[in-house]
């Protein structure tokens, strides 16, 4: 499964921003590429083994539509947002 997502990144001093990423899910590994395909630079890779998806925050104040947060094993949160519910 693959397609365009927005990924929330951690910034300096608690500031964070959303970046467009091309995401590829292979087994339990989610890879993020810069640009619109796997031809772009591999930006990050996250193992989803043992990861729990949080409640969809769609419509919650201050949150993007079609957003899903994942609690990562070992701490941290992965936040992604799709362009539509179907995607």
N, C-alpha and C. Protein backbone atom coordinates (compact mmCIF):
# COMPACT_ATOMS: atom_id res chain seq x y z
N UNK A 1 0.85 -1.15 0.00
CA UNK A 1 0.00 0.00 0.00
C UNK A 1 0.91 1.23 0.00
N UNK A 2 0.56 2.22 -0.81
CA UNK A 2 1.36 3.43 -0.85
C UNK A 2 0.54 4.61 -1.32
N UNK A 3 1.02 5.82 -1.00
CA UNK A 3 0.34 7.03 -1.41
C UNK A 3 0.85 8.24 -0.66
N UNK A 4 0.29 9.38 -1.00
CA UNK A 4 0.70 10.66 -0.43
C UNK A 4 0.07 10.87 0.95
N UNK A 5 0.88 11.27 1.93
CA UNK A 5 0.42 11.61 3.27
C UNK A 5 1.11 12.88 3.73
N UNK A 6 0.56 13.50 4.75
CA UNK A 6 1.28 14.55 5.46
C UNK A 6 1.76 13.91 6.75
N UNK A 7 3.00 14.21 7.12
CA UNK A 7 3.61 13.64 8.32
C UNK A 7 4.03 14.79 9.21
N UNK A 8 3.64 14.72 10.46
CA UNK A 8 4.02 15.76 11.41
C UNK A 8 5.41 15.48 11.92
N UNK A 9 6.27 16.47 11.84
CA UNK A 9 7.64 16.32 12.31
C UNK A 9 7.87 17.13 13.56
N UNK A 10 8.82 16.70 14.35
CA UNK A 10 9.20 17.44 15.55
C UNK A 10 10.12 18.58 15.16
N UNK A 11 9.93 19.71 15.77
CA UNK A 11 10.77 20.86 15.48
C UNK A 11 11.50 21.32 16.72
N UNK A 12 12.27 22.35 16.57
CA UNK A 12 12.99 22.92 17.70
C UNK A 12 12.02 23.61 18.65
N UNK A 13 12.29 23.55 19.94
CA UNK A 13 11.52 24.24 20.96
C UNK A 13 10.04 23.87 20.95
N UNK A 14 9.74 22.62 20.60
CA UNK A 14 8.37 22.14 20.61
C UNK A 14 7.56 22.55 19.39
N UNK A 15 8.17 23.32 18.48
CA UNK A 15 7.48 23.73 17.26
C UNK A 15 7.53 22.55 16.29
N UNK A 16 6.43 22.29 15.63
CA UNK A 16 6.42 21.20 14.67
C UNK A 16 5.63 21.63 13.44
N UNK A 17 5.91 20.98 12.34
CA UNK A 17 5.24 21.33 11.09
C UNK A 17 4.85 20.05 10.36
N UNK A 18 3.97 20.21 9.37
CA UNK A 18 3.51 19.10 8.56
C UNK A 18 4.24 19.13 7.23
N UNK A 19 4.75 17.99 6.79
CA UNK A 19 5.47 17.88 5.52
C UNK A 19 4.77 16.85 4.63
N UNK A 20 4.71 17.16 3.34
CA UNK A 20 4.18 16.19 2.38
C UNK A 20 5.20 15.08 2.20
N UNK A 21 4.76 13.85 2.31
CA UNK A 21 5.63 12.69 2.16
C UNK A 21 4.90 11.63 1.35
N UNK A 22 5.68 10.87 0.59
CA UNK A 22 5.15 9.71 -0.10
C UNK A 22 5.40 8.54 0.83
N UNK A 23 4.36 7.82 1.20
CA UNK A 23 4.47 6.74 2.17
C UNK A 23 4.28 5.38 1.51
N UNK A 24 5.08 4.43 1.95
CA UNK A 24 4.98 3.06 1.45
C UNK A 24 4.93 2.13 2.66
N UNK A 25 3.86 1.33 2.73
CA UNK A 25 3.72 0.34 3.79
C UNK A 25 4.08 -1.02 3.22
N UNK A 26 5.13 -1.62 3.76
CA UNK A 26 5.58 -2.95 3.35
C UNK A 26 5.64 -3.81 4.60
N UNK A 27 4.71 -4.75 4.72
CA UNK A 27 4.65 -5.56 5.94
C UNK A 27 4.33 -4.67 7.12
N UNK A 28 5.20 -4.62 8.09
CA UNK A 28 5.00 -3.78 9.27
C UNK A 28 5.93 -2.58 9.29
N UNK A 29 6.46 -2.22 8.13
CA UNK A 29 7.37 -1.08 8.03
C UNK A 29 6.75 0.00 7.16
N UNK A 30 6.72 1.22 7.70
CA UNK A 30 6.21 2.38 6.97
C UNK A 30 7.38 3.28 6.63
N UNK A 31 7.60 3.49 5.33
CA UNK A 31 8.71 4.31 4.86
C UNK A 31 8.18 5.61 4.28
N UNK A 32 8.87 6.71 4.57
CA UNK A 32 8.48 8.03 4.07
C UNK A 32 9.57 8.56 3.14
N UNK A 33 9.13 9.00 1.95
CA UNK A 33 10.04 9.54 0.94
C UNK A 33 9.70 11.00 0.67
N UNK A 34 10.72 11.80 0.39
CA UNK A 34 10.50 13.18 -0.05
C UNK A 34 10.01 13.13 -1.49
N UNK A 35 9.18 14.06 -1.87
CA UNK A 35 8.66 14.08 -3.24
C UNK A 35 7.43 13.21 -3.39
N UNK A 36 7.04 12.98 -4.62
CA UNK A 36 5.79 12.29 -4.89
C UNK A 36 5.90 10.83 -5.25
N UNK A 37 7.06 10.21 -4.98
CA UNK A 37 7.21 8.79 -5.31
C UNK A 37 8.39 8.21 -4.54
N UNK A 38 8.63 6.93 -4.75
CA UNK A 38 9.78 6.27 -4.12
C UNK A 38 11.10 6.69 -4.77
N UNK A 39 11.02 7.49 -5.82
CA UNK A 39 12.24 8.01 -6.45
C UNK A 39 12.89 9.08 -5.58
N UNK A 40 12.12 9.68 -4.66
CA UNK A 40 12.65 10.70 -3.76
C UNK A 40 13.53 10.07 -2.69
N UNK A 41 14.19 10.94 -1.94
CA UNK A 41 15.07 10.50 -0.86
C UNK A 41 14.26 9.86 0.27
N UNK A 42 14.74 8.72 0.79
CA UNK A 42 14.12 8.09 1.95
C UNK A 42 14.36 9.01 3.15
N UNK A 43 13.27 9.52 3.73
CA UNK A 43 13.37 10.49 4.82
C UNK A 43 13.35 9.80 6.18
N UNK A 44 12.46 8.82 6.34
CA UNK A 44 12.39 8.09 7.60
C UNK A 44 11.70 6.75 7.40
N UNK A 45 11.86 5.92 8.42
CA UNK A 45 11.31 4.57 8.38
C UNK A 45 10.84 4.24 9.78
N UNK A 46 9.62 3.72 9.90
CA UNK A 46 9.03 3.43 11.21
C UNK A 46 8.53 1.99 11.22
N UNK A 47 8.91 1.24 12.24
CA UNK A 47 8.37 -0.10 12.43
C UNK A 47 7.03 0.01 13.13
N UNK A 48 6.01 -0.61 12.57
CA UNK A 48 4.67 -0.57 13.16
C UNK A 48 4.37 -1.81 14.00
N UNK A 49 5.36 -2.67 14.20
CA UNK A 49 5.18 -3.84 15.04
C UNK A 49 4.92 -3.38 16.47
N UNK A 50 3.85 -3.83 17.05
CA UNK A 50 3.52 -3.46 18.44
C UNK A 50 3.00 -2.05 18.60
N UNK A 51 2.66 -1.37 17.50
CA UNK A 51 2.18 0.01 17.53
C UNK A 51 0.66 0.02 17.64
N UNK A 52 0.15 0.96 18.40
CA UNK A 52 -1.30 1.11 18.56
C UNK A 52 -1.75 2.41 17.92
N UNK A 53 -2.80 2.33 17.10
CA UNK A 53 -3.38 3.54 16.52
C UNK A 53 -4.28 4.19 17.56
N UNK A 54 -4.13 5.50 17.70
CA UNK A 54 -5.02 6.25 18.58
C UNK A 54 -6.34 6.49 17.87
N UNK A 55 -7.29 6.99 18.61
CA UNK A 55 -8.59 7.34 18.04
C UNK A 55 -8.39 8.36 16.93
N UNK A 56 -9.12 8.23 15.84
CA UNK A 56 -9.08 9.19 14.74
C UNK A 56 -9.51 10.55 15.29
N UNK A 57 -8.69 11.56 15.06
CA UNK A 57 -8.97 12.89 15.61
C UNK A 57 -9.70 13.79 14.64
N UNK A 58 -10.28 13.22 13.60
CA UNK A 58 -10.98 14.02 12.60
C UNK A 58 -12.03 14.90 13.27
N UNK A 59 -11.96 16.17 12.95
CA UNK A 59 -12.94 17.12 13.48
C UNK A 59 -12.60 17.67 14.85
N UNK A 60 -11.59 17.11 15.51
CA UNK A 60 -11.21 17.64 16.81
C UNK A 60 -10.58 19.02 16.62
N UNK A 61 -10.86 19.91 17.53
CA UNK A 61 -10.36 21.28 17.42
C UNK A 61 -8.83 21.28 17.28
N UNK A 62 -8.34 21.99 16.26
CA UNK A 62 -6.90 22.12 16.06
C UNK A 62 -6.24 20.94 15.37
N UNK A 63 -7.01 19.96 14.93
CA UNK A 63 -6.44 18.78 14.29
C UNK A 63 -6.85 18.70 12.82
N UNK A 64 -5.97 18.15 12.01
CA UNK A 64 -6.24 17.99 10.58
C UNK A 64 -7.32 16.92 10.35
N UNK A 65 -8.04 17.07 9.26
CA UNK A 65 -9.00 16.05 8.86
C UNK A 65 -8.26 14.78 8.47
N UNK A 66 -8.87 13.65 8.67
CA UNK A 66 -8.32 12.34 8.26
C UNK A 66 -6.96 12.07 8.91
N UNK A 67 -6.81 12.50 10.13
CA UNK A 67 -5.56 12.33 10.87
C UNK A 67 -5.64 11.10 11.75
N UNK A 68 -4.53 10.37 11.82
CA UNK A 68 -4.41 9.24 12.72
C UNK A 68 -3.06 9.36 13.42
N UNK A 69 -3.06 9.18 14.72
CA UNK A 69 -1.83 9.19 15.52
C UNK A 69 -1.53 7.76 15.96
N UNK A 70 -0.25 7.42 15.96
CA UNK A 70 0.18 6.09 16.38
C UNK A 70 1.12 6.24 17.58
N UNK A 71 0.82 5.52 18.66
CA UNK A 71 1.74 5.45 19.80
C UNK A 71 2.83 4.45 19.44
N UNK A 72 4.06 4.93 19.39
CA UNK A 72 5.19 4.08 18.98
C UNK A 72 5.75 3.32 20.17
N UNK A 73 6.21 2.11 19.89
CA UNK A 73 6.88 1.31 20.91
C UNK A 73 8.15 2.05 21.30
N UNK A 74 8.43 2.16 22.56
CA UNK A 74 9.62 2.88 23.00
C UNK A 74 9.38 4.37 23.16
N UNK A 75 8.15 4.80 23.02
CA UNK A 75 7.81 6.21 23.21
C UNK A 75 7.69 6.96 21.90
N UNK A 76 7.10 8.10 21.97
CA UNK A 76 6.91 8.93 20.79
C UNK A 76 5.58 8.65 20.11
N UNK A 77 5.21 9.58 19.26
CA UNK A 77 3.95 9.50 18.53
C UNK A 77 4.22 9.83 17.07
N UNK A 78 3.67 9.02 16.18
CA UNK A 78 3.71 9.28 14.74
C UNK A 78 2.35 9.83 14.35
N UNK A 79 2.32 11.04 13.75
CA UNK A 79 1.07 11.67 13.32
C UNK A 79 1.07 11.75 11.81
N UNK A 80 0.03 11.22 11.18
CA UNK A 80 -0.11 11.30 9.73
C UNK A 80 -1.52 11.75 9.38
N UNK A 81 -1.64 12.38 8.22
CA UNK A 81 -2.93 12.86 7.75
C UNK A 81 -3.04 12.55 6.27
N UNK A 82 -4.14 11.91 5.87
CA UNK A 82 -4.39 11.59 4.47
C UNK A 82 -5.21 12.70 3.83
N UNK A 83 -5.13 12.83 2.50
CA UNK A 83 -5.89 13.87 1.83
C UNK A 83 -7.40 13.63 1.84
N UNK A 84 -7.82 12.39 2.06
CA UNK A 84 -9.25 12.08 2.12
C UNK A 84 -9.44 10.81 2.95
N UNK A 85 -10.67 10.55 3.34
CA UNK A 85 -10.96 9.34 4.12
C UNK A 85 -10.65 8.09 3.31
N UNK A 86 -10.92 8.12 2.01
CA UNK A 86 -10.67 6.97 1.14
C UNK A 86 -9.18 6.66 1.02
N UNK A 87 -8.37 7.67 0.99
CA UNK A 87 -6.92 7.48 0.85
C UNK A 87 -6.35 6.94 2.15
